[in-house]
Amino acid sequence: MKDYDEFYSLIWGYYLQPSDVSYDYRELHTDFIRNLTFGFYRDYEKNNVHISVYAKAMKTVFINLFLFSPETTDFGDSKDYNDI
């Protein structure tokens, strides 16, 4: 089992490429990335699952984060359907 530093290095140095998460984003959101990575590391410690599975999960998080960010998504006017 890897320690946290090895886990972090493998995730961000090998599995996640700059095309997945840019270096600019990494620099601007260091705390978010460290907290997210540490959360996945804690799960890695509990379960006997390969690091690549956690890397794929993190990749999916960032794909959805970027795909549905407020800057790129406009759903138009929202409507409260409870007000009918």
N, C-alpha and C. Protein backbone atom coordinates (compact mmCIF):
# COMPACT_ATOMS: atom_id res chain seq x y z
N MET A 1 0.84 -1.18 0.00
CA MET A 1 0.00 0.00 0.00
C MET A 1 0.89 1.25 0.00
N LYS A 2 0.49 2.22 -0.76
CA LYS A 2 1.25 3.46 -0.90
C LYS A 2 0.92 4.42 0.25
N ASP A 3 1.88 5.27 0.60
CA ASP A 3 1.56 6.33 1.55
C ASP A 3 0.95 7.49 0.78
N TYR A 4 0.52 8.52 1.51
CA TYR A 4 -0.21 9.62 0.87
C TYR A 4 0.62 10.33 -0.19
N ASP A 5 1.88 10.59 0.08
CA ASP A 5 2.73 11.29 -0.89
C ASP A 5 2.88 10.51 -2.19
N GLU A 6 3.05 9.20 -2.08
CA GLU A 6 3.15 8.36 -3.28
C GLU A 6 1.82 8.34 -4.04
N PHE A 7 0.74 8.23 -3.28
CA PHE A 7 -0.60 8.23 -3.87
C PHE A 7 -0.83 9.53 -4.64
N TYR A 8 -0.54 10.66 -4.00
CA TYR A 8 -0.72 11.98 -4.63
C TYR A 8 0.14 12.10 -5.89
N SER A 9 1.38 11.67 -5.79
CA SER A 9 2.30 11.76 -6.94
C SER A 9 1.83 10.90 -8.11
N LEU A 10 1.35 9.71 -7.82
CA LEU A 10 0.86 8.84 -8.89
C LEU A 10 -0.40 9.42 -9.55
N ILE A 11 -1.31 9.89 -8.72
CA ILE A 11 -2.56 10.44 -9.26
C ILE A 11 -2.26 11.65 -10.14
N TRP A 12 -1.52 12.62 -9.59
CA TRP A 12 -1.33 13.90 -10.28
C TRP A 12 -0.12 13.93 -11.20
N GLY A 13 0.77 12.97 -11.08
CA GLY A 13 1.93 12.95 -11.95
C GLY A 13 1.85 11.93 -13.07
N TYR A 14 0.98 10.94 -12.89
CA TYR A 14 0.93 9.86 -13.89
C TYR A 14 -0.48 9.68 -14.47
N TYR A 15 -1.48 9.51 -13.61
CA TYR A 15 -2.81 9.17 -14.09
C TYR A 15 -3.59 10.37 -14.65
N LEU A 16 -3.55 11.51 -13.96
CA LEU A 16 -4.27 12.69 -14.45
C LEU A 16 -3.32 13.59 -15.22
N GLN A 17 -3.64 13.81 -16.46
CA GLN A 17 -2.79 14.59 -17.36
C GLN A 17 -3.24 16.06 -17.39
N PRO A 18 -2.38 16.94 -17.88
CA PRO A 18 -2.79 18.35 -18.01
C PRO A 18 -4.01 18.54 -18.90
N SER A 19 -4.27 17.61 -19.80
CA SER A 19 -5.48 17.71 -20.62
C SER A 19 -6.74 17.42 -19.79
N ASP A 20 -6.59 16.72 -18.67
CA ASP A 20 -7.71 16.45 -17.76
C ASP A 20 -7.94 17.63 -16.82
N VAL A 21 -6.86 18.06 -16.17
CA VAL A 21 -6.90 19.19 -15.24
C VAL A 21 -5.66 20.03 -15.51
N SER A 22 -5.86 21.24 -15.98
CA SER A 22 -4.73 22.09 -16.38
C SER A 22 -3.87 22.48 -15.18
N TYR A 23 -2.63 22.83 -15.46
CA TYR A 23 -1.72 23.28 -14.41
C TYR A 23 -2.22 24.58 -13.79
N ASP A 24 -2.83 25.44 -14.58
CA ASP A 24 -3.39 26.69 -14.04
C ASP A 24 -4.48 26.41 -13.02
N TYR A 25 -5.37 25.47 -13.35
CA TYR A 25 -6.43 25.10 -12.41
C TYR A 25 -5.83 24.49 -11.15
N ARG A 26 -4.83 23.66 -11.32
CA ARG A 26 -4.18 23.03 -10.16
C ARG A 26 -3.57 24.07 -9.23
N GLU A 27 -2.95 25.09 -9.80
CA GLU A 27 -2.34 26.14 -8.98
C GLU A 27 -3.38 26.99 -8.28
N LEU A 28 -4.49 27.29 -8.95
CA LEU A 28 -5.52 28.13 -8.36
C LEU A 28 -6.34 27.42 -7.29
N HIS A 29 -6.48 26.12 -7.41
CA HIS A 29 -7.36 25.36 -6.51
C HIS A 29 -6.60 24.27 -5.75
N THR A 30 -5.45 24.62 -5.25
CA THR A 30 -4.59 23.66 -4.55
C THR A 30 -5.29 23.03 -3.35
N ASP A 31 -5.98 23.84 -2.54
CA ASP A 31 -6.64 23.30 -1.35
C ASP A 31 -7.74 22.31 -1.72
N PHE A 32 -8.54 22.64 -2.71
CA PHE A 32 -9.60 21.74 -3.16
C PHE A 32 -9.02 20.42 -3.65
N ILE A 33 -7.96 20.51 -4.44
CA ILE A 33 -7.33 19.31 -5.00
C ILE A 33 -6.72 18.45 -3.89
N ARG A 34 -6.06 19.07 -2.94
CA ARG A 34 -5.47 18.31 -1.83
C ARG A 34 -6.54 17.64 -0.98
N ASN A 35 -7.63 18.36 -0.69
CA ASN A 35 -8.70 17.78 0.11
C ASN A 35 -9.39 16.64 -0.63
N LEU A 36 -9.64 16.82 -1.91
CA LEU A 36 -10.26 15.76 -2.71
C LEU A 36 -9.35 14.53 -2.78
N THR A 37 -8.08 14.77 -3.04
CA THR A 37 -7.12 13.66 -3.13
C THR A 37 -7.00 12.95 -1.79
N PHE A 38 -6.98 13.70 -0.70
CA PHE A 38 -6.88 13.08 0.62
C PHE A 38 -8.13 12.25 0.93
N GLY A 39 -9.30 12.73 0.52
CA GLY A 39 -10.52 11.96 0.72
C GLY A 39 -10.47 10.63 -0.02
N PHE A 40 -9.98 10.67 -1.25
CA PHE A 40 -9.84 9.42 -2.00
C PHE A 40 -8.75 8.54 -1.39
N TYR A 41 -7.71 9.15 -0.85
CA TYR A 41 -6.64 8.37 -0.21
C TYR A 41 -7.17 7.63 1.02
N ARG A 42 -8.00 8.30 1.80
CA ARG A 42 -8.58 7.64 2.99
C ARG A 42 -9.41 6.42 2.58
N ASP A 43 -10.14 6.55 1.48
CA ASP A 43 -10.90 5.42 0.97
C ASP A 43 -9.96 4.32 0.47
N TYR A 44 -8.88 4.72 -0.17
CA TYR A 44 -7.86 3.77 -0.65
C TYR A 44 -7.26 2.98 0.52
N GLU A 45 -7.05 3.65 1.66
CA GLU A 45 -6.51 2.95 2.83
C GLU A 45 -7.47 1.88 3.36
N LYS A 46 -8.76 2.16 3.29
CA LYS A 46 -9.76 1.25 3.82
C LYS A 46 -10.01 0.05 2.92
N ASN A 47 -9.89 0.24 1.61
CA ASN A 47 -10.25 -0.81 0.64
C ASN A 47 -9.03 -1.27 -0.12
N ASN A 48 -9.11 -2.47 -0.61
CA ASN A 48 -8.02 -3.02 -1.40
C ASN A 48 -8.34 -2.84 -2.88
N VAL A 49 -8.27 -1.57 -3.34
CA VAL A 49 -8.61 -1.23 -4.72
C VAL A 49 -7.40 -0.52 -5.33
N HIS A 50 -7.11 -0.80 -6.59
CA HIS A 50 -5.95 -0.21 -7.27
C HIS A 50 -6.10 1.31 -7.41
N ILE A 51 -4.99 2.00 -7.35
CA ILE A 51 -4.97 3.46 -7.44
C ILE A 51 -5.61 3.95 -8.73
N SER A 52 -5.49 3.21 -9.79
CA SER A 52 -6.07 3.64 -11.07
C SER A 52 -7.58 3.81 -11.00
N VAL A 53 -8.24 3.05 -10.13
CA VAL A 53 -9.68 3.20 -9.95
C VAL A 53 -9.99 4.56 -9.34
N TYR A 54 -9.19 4.97 -8.37
CA TYR A 54 -9.39 6.28 -7.76
C TYR A 54 -9.04 7.40 -8.73
N ALA A 55 -8.04 7.17 -9.55
CA ALA A 55 -7.67 8.16 -10.56
C ALA A 55 -8.80 8.34 -11.56
N LYS A 56 -9.42 7.25 -11.97
CA LYS A 56 -10.56 7.33 -12.90
C LYS A 56 -11.73 8.06 -12.25
N ALA A 57 -11.96 7.80 -10.98
CA ALA A 57 -13.05 8.49 -10.26
C ALA A 57 -12.76 9.99 -10.18
N MET A 58 -11.51 10.35 -9.89
CA MET A 58 -11.15 11.77 -9.83
C MET A 58 -11.28 12.42 -11.20
N LYS A 59 -10.90 11.71 -12.23
CA LYS A 59 -11.03 12.22 -13.59
C LYS A 59 -12.50 12.50 -13.90
N THR A 60 -13.38 11.59 -13.48
CA THR A 60 -14.81 11.77 -13.69
C THR A 60 -15.33 12.98 -12.92
N VAL A 61 -14.85 13.18 -11.70
CA VAL A 61 -15.24 14.36 -10.92
C VAL A 61 -14.89 15.63 -11.68
N PHE A 62 -13.68 15.70 -12.19
CA PHE A 62 -13.26 16.92 -12.88
C PHE A 62 -13.95 17.09 -14.23
N ILE A 63 -14.22 16.01 -14.93
CA ILE A 63 -14.96 16.12 -16.19
C ILE A 63 -16.33 16.73 -15.92
N ASN A 64 -17.03 16.21 -14.90
CA ASN A 64 -18.35 16.74 -14.57
C ASN A 64 -18.27 18.15 -14.00
N LEU A 65 -17.24 18.43 -13.23
CA LEU A 65 -17.07 19.77 -12.68
C LEU A 65 -16.89 20.80 -13.79
N PHE A 66 -16.07 20.47 -14.77
CA PHE A 66 -15.82 21.41 -15.86
C PHE A 66 -16.98 21.44 -16.85
N LEU A 67 -17.62 20.30 -17.08
CA LEU A 67 -18.70 20.22 -18.04
C LEU A 67 -19.93 21.01 -17.57
N PHE A 68 -20.21 20.97 -16.28
CA PHE A 68 -21.41 21.62 -15.77
C PHE A 68 -21.10 22.83 -14.90
N SER A 69 -19.96 23.47 -15.13
CA SER A 69 -19.63 24.66 -14.35
C SER A 69 -20.52 25.82 -14.78
N PRO A 70 -20.77 26.78 -13.89
CA PRO A 70 -21.63 27.91 -14.23
C PRO A 70 -21.12 28.71 -15.43
N GLU A 71 -19.81 28.71 -15.66
CA GLU A 71 -19.26 29.47 -16.77
C GLU A 71 -19.61 28.84 -18.12
N THR A 72 -19.84 27.52 -18.14
CA THR A 72 -20.08 26.84 -19.41
C THR A 72 -21.50 26.36 -19.58
N THR A 73 -22.32 26.48 -18.54
CA THR A 73 -23.67 25.94 -18.60
C THR A 73 -24.68 27.05 -18.38
N ASP A 74 -25.65 27.15 -19.27
CA ASP A 74 -26.74 28.10 -19.12
C ASP A 74 -28.03 27.36 -19.42
N PHE A 75 -28.77 27.10 -18.38
CA PHE A 75 -30.02 26.39 -18.55
C PHE A 75 -31.19 27.36 -18.75
N GLY A 76 -30.90 28.64 -18.89
CA GLY A 76 -31.95 29.64 -19.06
C GLY A 76 -32.59 29.96 -17.72
N ASP A 77 -33.78 30.49 -17.79
CA ASP A 77 -34.50 30.84 -16.56
C ASP A 77 -34.92 29.58 -15.84
N SER A 78 -34.72 29.59 -14.52
CA SER A 78 -35.15 28.44 -13.74
C SER A 78 -36.60 28.63 -13.35
N LYS A 79 -37.32 27.56 -13.23
CA LYS A 79 -38.73 27.60 -12.85
C LYS A 79 -38.93 26.70 -11.65
N ASP A 80 -39.64 27.20 -10.67
CA ASP A 80 -39.94 26.43 -9.48
C ASP A 80 -41.23 25.67 -9.72
N TYR A 81 -41.12 24.37 -9.90
CA TYR A 81 -42.30 23.57 -10.18
C TYR A 81 -43.11 23.26 -8.94
N ASN A 82 -42.64 23.68 -7.78
CA ASN A 82 -43.42 23.54 -6.55
C ASN A 82 -44.45 24.64 -6.43
N ASP A 83 -44.35 25.64 -7.29
CA ASP A 83 -45.22 26.81 -7.23
C ASP A 83 -46.40 26.70 -8.19
N ILE A 84 -46.89 25.52 -8.42
CA ILE A 84 -47.98 25.34 -9.38
C ILE A 84 -49.30 25.34 -8.68
